[in-house]
C-alpha atoms as a PDB file:
ATOM      1  CA  MET A   1      51.751  -8.874 -25.485  1.00  0.00           C
ATOM      2  CA  ILE A   2      48.676  -7.275 -27.021  1.00  0.00           C
ATOM      3  CA  ALA A   3      45.315  -8.565 -25.800  1.00  0.00           C
ATOM      4  CA  THR A   4      42.211  -8.282 -27.946  1.00  0.00           C
ATOM      5  CA  THR A   5      38.667  -8.310 -26.599  1.00  0.00           C
ATOM      6  CA  THR A   6      35.491  -8.018 -28.678  1.00  0.00           C
ATOM      7  CA  ILE A   7      32.617  -5.851 -27.445  1.00  0.00           C
ATOM      8  CA  ARG A   8      29.185  -5.349 -29.010  1.00  0.00           C
ATOM      9  CA  VAL A   9      27.842  -1.815 -28.610  1.00  0.00           C
ATOM     10  CA  ARG A  10      24.737  -1.983 -26.417  1.00  0.00           C
ATOM     11  CA  TYR A  11      21.751   0.337 -26.571  1.00  0.00           C
ATOM     12  CA  GLY A  12      22.653   1.792 -23.164  1.00  0.00           C
ATOM     13  CA  ASP A  13      26.091   2.801 -24.503  1.00  0.00           C
ATOM     14  CA  THR A  14      24.618   5.126 -27.113  1.00  0.00           C
ATOM     15  CA  ASP A  15      23.056   8.568 -27.317  1.00  0.00           C
ATOM     16  CA  CYS A  16      19.793   9.505 -29.091  1.00  0.00           C
ATOM     17  CA  MET A  17      21.565   9.215 -32.485  1.00  0.00           C
ATOM     18  CA  LYS A  18      22.660   5.615 -31.713  1.00  0.00           C
ATOM     19  CA  VAL A  19      26.303   6.754 -31.510  1.00  0.00           C
ATOM     20  CA  VAL A  20      28.484   5.574 -28.604  1.00  0.00           C
ATOM     21  CA  TYR A  21      28.487   8.264 -25.920  1.00  0.00           C
ATOM     22  CA  TYR A  22      32.046   9.512 -25.421  1.00  0.00           C
ATOM     23  CA  SER A  23      32.532   8.429 -21.792  1.00  0.00           C
ATOM     24  CA  ASN A  24      31.797   4.800 -22.666  1.00  0.00           C
ATOM     25  CA  TYR A  25      35.135   4.517 -24.450  1.00  0.00           C
ATOM     26  CA  LEU A  26      36.806   4.600 -21.019  1.00  0.00           C
ATOM     27  CA  THR A  27      34.596   1.667 -20.013  1.00  0.00           C
ATOM     28  CA  TYR A  28      35.680  -0.170 -23.172  1.00  0.00           C
ATOM     29  CA  PHE A  29      39.290   0.549 -22.215  1.00  0.00           C
ATOM     30  CA  GLU A  30      38.621  -0.940 -18.770  1.00  0.00           C
ATOM     31  CA  VAL A  31      37.140  -4.097 -20.288  1.00  0.00           C
ATOM     32  CA  GLY A  32      40.247  -4.423 -22.465  1.00  0.00           C
ATOM     33  CA  ARG A  33      42.557  -3.868 -19.491  1.00  0.00           C
ATOM     34  CA  VAL A  34      40.817  -6.419 -17.260  1.00  0.00           C
ATOM     35  CA  GLU A  35      40.877  -8.995 -20.064  1.00  0.00           C
ATOM     36  CA  TYR A  36      44.574  -8.234 -20.720  1.00  0.00           C
ATOM     37  CA  LEU A  37      45.350  -9.124 -17.103  1.00  0.00           C
ATOM     38  CA  ARG A  38      43.152 -12.243 -17.255  1.00  0.00           C
ATOM     39  CA  GLN A  39      44.968 -13.384 -20.408  1.00  0.00           C
ATOM     40  CA  GLN A  40      48.230 -12.900 -18.520  1.00  0.00           C
ATOM     41  CA  GLY A  41      47.027 -15.301 -15.830  1.00  0.00           C
ATOM     42  CA  MET A  42      45.385 -13.235 -13.076  1.00  0.00           C
ATOM     43  CA  SER A  43      41.935 -11.806 -12.564  1.00  0.00           C
ATOM     44  CA  ILE A  44      41.581  -8.220 -11.417  1.00  0.00           C
ATOM     45  CA  ALA A  45      39.993  -9.550  -8.210  1.00  0.00           C
ATOM     46  CA  ASP A  46      43.140 -11.542  -7.416  1.00  0.00           C
ATOM     47  CA  ILE A  47      45.395  -8.590  -8.236  1.00  0.00           C
ATOM     48  CA  ASN A  48      43.354  -6.237  -6.041  1.00  0.00           C
ATOM     49  CA  GLU A  49      44.029  -8.454  -3.036  1.00  0.00           C
ATOM     50  CA  LYS A  50      47.750  -7.736  -3.442  1.00  0.00           C
ATOM     51  CA  ILE A  51      48.011  -4.294  -5.032  1.00  0.00           C
ATOM     52  CA  HIS A  52      45.745  -1.518  -6.230  1.00  0.00           C
ATOM     53  CA  MET A  53      46.264   0.162  -9.599  1.00  0.00           C
ATOM     54  CA  PRO A  54      44.326   3.452  -9.616  1.00  0.00           C
ATOM     55  CA  VAL A  55      44.003   5.385 -12.869  1.00  0.00           C
ATOM     56  CA  VAL A  56      45.789   8.730 -12.490  1.00  0.00           C
ATOM     57  CA  GLU A  57      45.450   9.916 -16.096  1.00  0.00           C
ATOM     58  CA  ALA A  58      43.248   8.983 -19.050  1.00  0.00           C
ATOM     59  CA  LEU A  59      43.198  10.102 -22.677  1.00  0.00           C
ATOM     60  CA  VAL A  60      40.847   9.166 -25.505  1.00  0.00           C
ATOM     61  CA  ARG A  61      41.335  10.224 -29.127  1.00  0.00           C
ATOM     62  CA  PHE A  62      38.153   9.831 -31.159  1.00  0.00           C
ATOM     63  CA  VAL A  63      38.709   8.875 -34.796  1.00  0.00           C
ATOM     64  CA  LYS A  64      35.251   7.849 -36.019  1.00  0.00           C
ATOM     65  CA  PRO A  65      31.965   7.095 -34.299  1.00  0.00           C
ATOM     66  CA  ALA A  66      30.955   3.638 -33.204  1.00  0.00           C
ATOM     67  CA  ARG A  67      27.246   2.875 -33.395  1.00  0.00           C
ATOM     68  CA  LEU A  68      24.606   0.685 -31.822  1.00  0.00           C
ATOM     69  CA  ASP A  69      25.217  -3.038 -32.411  1.00  0.00           C
ATOM     70  CA  ASP A  70      28.724  -2.550 -33.878  1.00  0.00           C
ATOM     71  CA  LEU A  71      31.277  -5.187 -32.987  1.00  0.00           C
ATOM     72  CA  LEU A  72      34.435  -3.527 -31.685  1.00  0.00           C
ATOM     73  CA  ASP A  73      37.841  -5.065 -31.028  1.00  0.00           C
ATOM     74  CA  VAL A  74      39.604  -3.470 -28.085  1.00  0.00           C
ATOM     75  CA  HIS A  75      43.374  -3.920 -28.311  1.00  0.00           C
ATOM     76  CA  CYS A  76      45.232  -3.358 -25.046  1.00  0.00           C
ATOM     77  CA  TRP A  77      48.941  -3.458 -24.205  1.00  0.00           C
ATOM     78  CA  VAL A  78      51.447  -2.015 -21.742  1.00  0.00           C
ATOM     79  CA  SER A  79      53.154   0.857 -23.533  1.00  0.00           C
ATOM     80  CA  GLU A  80      55.344   2.105 -20.676  1.00  0.00           C
ATOM     81  CA  ARG A  81      56.481   0.842 -17.303  1.00  0.00           C
ATOM     82  CA  LYS A  82      58.285   2.811 -14.615  1.00  0.00           C
ATOM     83  CA  ARG A  83      59.235   2.062 -11.029  1.00  0.00           C
ATOM     84  CA  ALA A  84      55.812   2.734  -9.492  1.00  0.00           C
ATOM     85  CA  SER A  85      53.568   3.382 -12.497  1.00  0.00           C
ATOM     86  CA  PHE A  86      52.690   1.988 -15.900  1.00  0.00           C
ATOM     87  CA  ARG A  87      50.676   2.977 -18.943  1.00  0.00           C
ATOM     88  CA  PHE A  88      48.193   0.876 -20.883  1.00  0.00           C
ATOM     89  CA  GLY A  89      47.700   1.758 -24.542  1.00  0.00           C
ATOM     90  CA  TYR A  90      44.437   1.089 -26.365  1.00  0.00           C
ATOM     91  CA  GLU A  91      43.152   0.952 -29.896  1.00  0.00           C
ATOM     92  CA  ILE A  92      39.514   0.230 -30.697  1.00  0.00           C
ATOM     93  CA  ARG A  93      38.709  -0.989 -34.210  1.00  0.00           C
ATOM     94  CA  ASP A  94      35.405  -1.752 -35.895  1.00  0.00           C
ATOM     95  CA  ALA A  95      34.566  -4.998 -37.723  1.00  0.00           C
ATOM     96  CA  ALA A  96      36.103  -3.619 -40.941  1.00  0.00           C
ATOM     97  CA  GLY A  97      39.388  -2.994 -39.107  1.00  0.00           C
ATOM     98  CA  ALA A  98      39.058   0.803 -39.125  1.00  0.00           C
ATOM     99  CA  THR A  99      40.304   2.633 -36.032  1.00  0.00           C
ATOM    100  CA  VAL A 100      37.443   4.081 -33.980  1.00  0.00           C
ATOM    101  CA  ALA A 101      39.441   5.431 -31.008  1.00  0.00           C
ATOM    102  CA  THR A 102      42.874   5.281 -29.412  1.00  0.00           C
ATOM    103  CA  GLY A 103      44.123   6.291 -26.012  1.00  0.00           C
ATOM    104  CA  HIS A 104      45.892   5.405 -22.815  1.00  0.00           C
ATOM    105  CA  THR A 105      45.468   5.178 -19.072  1.00  0.00           C
ATOM    106  CA  LEU A 106      48.283   5.810 -16.601  1.00  0.00           C
ATOM    107  CA  HIS A 107      48.189   3.779 -13.385  1.00  0.00           C
ATOM    108  CA  ALA A 108      49.985   4.092 -10.066  1.00  0.00           C
ATOM    109  CA  CYS A 109      50.855   1.143  -7.844  1.00  0.00           C
ATOM    110  CA  TRP A 110      49.264   1.472  -4.436  1.00  0.00           C
ATOM    111  CA  ASP A 111      49.869  -0.845  -1.506  1.00  0.00           C
ATOM    112  CA  PRO A 112      46.498  -1.400   0.207  1.00  0.00           C
ATOM    113  CA  ALA A 113      48.208  -2.513   3.444  1.00  0.00           C
ATOM    114  CA  THR A 114      50.203   0.711   3.885  1.00  0.00           C
ATOM    115  CA  SER A 115      48.052   3.136   1.838  1.00  0.00           C
ATOM    116  CA  LYS A 116      51.190   4.316   0.068  1.00  0.00           C
ATOM    117  CA  MET A 117      52.574   4.189  -3.419  1.00  0.00           C
ATOM    118  CA  THR A 118      54.879   1.275  -4.024  1.00  0.00           C
ATOM    119  CA  ALA A 119      57.145  -0.080  -6.734  1.00  0.00           C
ATOM    120  CA  LEU A 120      55.702  -2.560  -9.209  1.00  0.00           C
ATOM    121  CA  PRO A 121      56.220  -5.979  -7.669  1.00  0.00           C
ATOM    122  CA  PRO A 122      58.231  -8.467  -9.748  1.00  0.00           C
ATOM    123  CA  TRP A 123      55.195 -10.731 -10.346  1.00  0.00           C
ATOM    124  CA  LEU A 124      53.329  -7.779 -11.884  1.00  0.00           C
ATOM    125  CA  GLN A 125      56.330  -6.743 -13.978  1.00  0.00           C
ATOM    126  CA  GLN A 126      56.401 -10.267 -15.432  1.00  0.00           C
ATOM    127  CA  MET A 127      52.763  -9.957 -16.460  1.00  0.00           C
ATOM    128  CA  MET A 128      53.373  -6.639 -18.195  1.00  0.00           C
ATOM    129  CA  PRO A 129      55.948  -6.782 -20.974  1.00  0.00           C
ATOM    130  CA  VAL A 130      56.252  -3.398 -22.654  1.00  0.00           C
ATOM    131  CA  VAL A 131      55.057  -3.059 -26.263  1.00  0.00           C
ATOM    132  CA  PRO A 132      55.873   0.605 -26.990  1.00  0.00           C
ATOM    133  CA  GLU A 133      54.327   0.831 -30.478  1.00  0.00           C
ATOM    134  CA  GLY A 134      51.089  -1.082 -30.021  1.00  0.00           C
ATOM    135  CA  PRO A 135      49.272  -3.043 -32.731  1.00  0.00           C
ATOM    136  CA  ALA A 136      50.846  -3.022 -36.168  1.00  0.00           C
ATOM    137  CA  GLY A 137      53.524  -0.539 -35.056  1.00  0.00           C
ATOM    138  CA  ARG A 138      50.998   2.194 -34.230  1.00  0.00           C
ATOM    139  CA  VAL A 139      50.941   4.162 -31.013  1.00  0.00           C
END
């Protein structure tokens, strides 16, 4: 499954040239990830009561700048799943369909009751089918 969420670039997201400041792309990734989970049937608040999913690695590849008031589509999918970790892939496109940025975040599964890493529970595995190539066959 690939979830798509639309974001409008706010003034506070931009620098003095009205270009999205680089760190905000990670926030856009987070919005996409939270909406992915919601579209799969659970809010992040509900998930956090059962398991924590800390980010242990993040990568953003910048393709072209996004600017103030642009509408951006954030595409999010699970690109890899292992025993106790998984990777979300992202592609952000502008209103014309041009790629603005791509990237991924790697997450561990952490049991809040024991404060230890744990295997992905079956209910979470069901919510996260792997789509290795992302939208339109792109990684």
